[in-house]
Amino acid sequence: VQLQASGGGLVQAGGSLILSCAASGTAVSVNLMGWYRQAPGKQREFVARITSGGITNYADSVKGRFTISRDNAKNTVYLQMNSLKPEDTAVYYCNLIPPIYSWGQGTLVTVSS
């Protein structure tokens, strides 16, 4: 199983980015899929999740700004990030919940003030 996150970059505070997580070896449609992030010097933390039925949940820190979605045909999970803040700077990863697969390299999001 591979979960490849992409779409990160440098953005100014208040800007937007959309991250993608392309899955191979497992179907995103039947799994509880999640986005996580790890800021410099901090532990990895939960950001958002989407159930097989499409129900979504978010960490309080991103609620109202981030949206998780899924394209079953492309076997890809997305994270739309709006109103970005410097504290959103982190490496973002996707995985199942619980995270049973390798984390991979993630994708770096840097938000400048």
Protein backbone atom coordinates (compact mmCIF):
# COMPACT_ATOMS: atom_id res chain seq x y z
CA VAL A 1 0.00 0.00 0.00
CA GLN A 2 1.21 3.47 -0.89
CA LEU A 3 -0.29 6.80 0.14
CA GLN A 4 1.35 9.68 -1.69
CA ALA A 5 0.60 13.18 -0.45
CA SER A 6 1.25 16.14 -2.73
CA GLY A 7 0.25 19.73 -3.34
CA GLY A 8 2.13 21.51 -0.60
CA GLY A 9 4.04 24.73 -1.06
CA LEU A 10 4.68 28.23 0.20
CA VAL A 11 1.65 30.46 0.65
CA GLN A 12 0.95 33.73 2.40
CA ALA A 13 -1.31 33.89 5.42
CA GLY A 14 -4.92 34.00 4.32
CA GLY A 15 -4.20 32.01 1.20
CA SER A 16 -5.37 28.59 0.07
CA LEU A 17 -3.91 25.27 -0.98
CA ILE A 18 -5.37 21.94 -1.93
CA LEU A 19 -3.53 18.77 -0.99
CA SER A 20 -4.00 15.41 -2.69
CA CYS A 21 -3.41 11.91 -1.39
CA ALA A 22 -3.23 9.29 -4.11
CA ALA A 23 -3.70 5.75 -2.82
CA SER A 24 -2.56 2.50 -4.36
CA GLY A 25 -3.12 -0.96 -2.95
CA THR A 26 -6.15 0.07 -0.96
CA ALA A 27 -9.44 1.76 -1.77
CA VAL A 28 -10.12 5.14 -0.18
CA SER A 29 -13.84 4.54 -0.63
CA VAL A 30 -14.02 1.76 1.95
CA ASN A 31 -11.57 3.07 4.51
CA LEU A 32 -11.66 5.71 7.22
CA MET A 33 -9.15 8.12 5.67
CA GLY A 34 -7.38 10.88 7.50
CA TRP A 35 -5.06 13.82 7.09
CA TYR A 36 -2.42 14.45 9.72
CA ARG A 37 0.31 17.04 10.13
CA GLN A 38 3.57 17.47 11.97
CA ALA A 39 4.88 20.93 12.69
CA PRO A 40 8.59 21.50 13.39
CA GLY A 41 9.46 20.29 16.86
CA LYS A 42 5.98 18.94 17.53
CA GLN A 43 4.27 15.58 17.46
CA ARG A 44 2.17 14.49 14.52
CA GLU A 45 -1.47 15.42 15.00
CA PHE A 46 -4.84 14.63 13.51
CA VAL A 47 -6.29 17.19 11.10
CA ALA A 48 -9.34 15.72 9.36
CA ARG A 49 -11.03 12.45 8.48
CA ILE A 50 -13.68 11.13 6.14
CA THR A 51 -15.64 7.94 6.64
CA SER A 52 -16.64 5.46 3.96
CA GLY A 53 -20.07 7.05 4.14
CA GLY A 54 -18.70 10.54 3.58
CA ILE A 55 -19.03 11.85 7.12
CA THR A 56 -16.26 14.31 7.95
CA ASN A 57 -14.64 15.43 11.18
CA TYR A 58 -12.00 18.03 11.88
CA ALA A 59 -9.59 19.12 14.53
CA ASP A 60 -10.84 22.24 16.29
CA SER A 61 -7.84 24.19 15.01
CA VAL A 62 -8.90 23.78 11.37
CA LYS A 63 -12.68 23.54 11.63
CA GLY A 64 -14.38 25.95 9.25
CA ARG A 65 -11.20 26.47 7.22
CA PHE A 66 -10.28 23.01 5.92
CA THR A 67 -12.40 20.58 3.95
CA ILE A 68 -11.64 16.91 3.37
CA SER A 69 -13.12 15.16 0.37
CA ARG A 70 -12.67 12.07 -1.72
CA ASP A 71 -12.79 11.03 -5.38
CA ASN A 72 -13.42 7.30 -5.46
CA ALA A 73 -12.82 7.02 -9.20
CA LYS A 74 -9.35 8.52 -8.78
CA ASN A 75 -8.78 6.73 -5.47
CA THR A 76 -7.66 10.05 -4.05
CA VAL A 77 -8.41 12.02 -0.91
CA TYR A 78 -8.14 15.82 -0.87
CA LEU A 79 -7.68 18.51 1.74
CA GLN A 80 -8.83 21.97 0.74
CA MET A 81 -7.16 24.48 3.05
CA ASN A 82 -8.45 28.04 3.18
CA SER A 83 -7.62 31.03 5.36
CA LEU A 84 -4.23 29.54 6.09
CA LYS A 85 -2.35 30.70 9.16
CA PRO A 86 1.37 30.55 9.99
CA GLU A 87 0.54 27.93 12.62
CA ASP A 88 -0.68 25.65 9.83
CA THR A 89 2.93 25.29 8.70
CA ALA A 90 3.75 21.58 8.84
CA VAL A 91 4.40 18.46 6.84
CA TYR A 92 1.02 16.99 5.93
CA TYR A 93 0.42 13.27 5.63
CA CYS A 94 -2.48 11.04 4.77
CA ASN A 95 -3.16 7.63 6.21
CA LEU A 96 -5.93 5.45 7.46
CA ILE A 97 -7.43 5.93 10.89
CA PRO A 98 -5.81 4.36 12.81
CA PRO A 99 -2.64 4.95 10.73
CA ILE A 100 -1.60 1.40 9.90
CA TYR A 101 0.45 2.11 6.78
CA SER A 102 3.81 3.75 6.19
CA TRP A 103 3.70 7.54 6.52
CA GLY A 104 5.69 8.32 3.42
CA GLN A 105 7.38 11.68 2.93
CA GLY A 106 4.30 13.84 3.27
CA THR A 107 4.00 17.25 1.65
CA LEU A 108 5.34 20.44 3.20
CA VAL A 109 3.04 23.41 3.69
CA THR A 110 4.68 26.68 4.68
CA VAL A 111 2.51 29.66 5.55
CA SER A 112 4.28 33.00 5.74
CA SER A 113 2.98 35.87 7.83
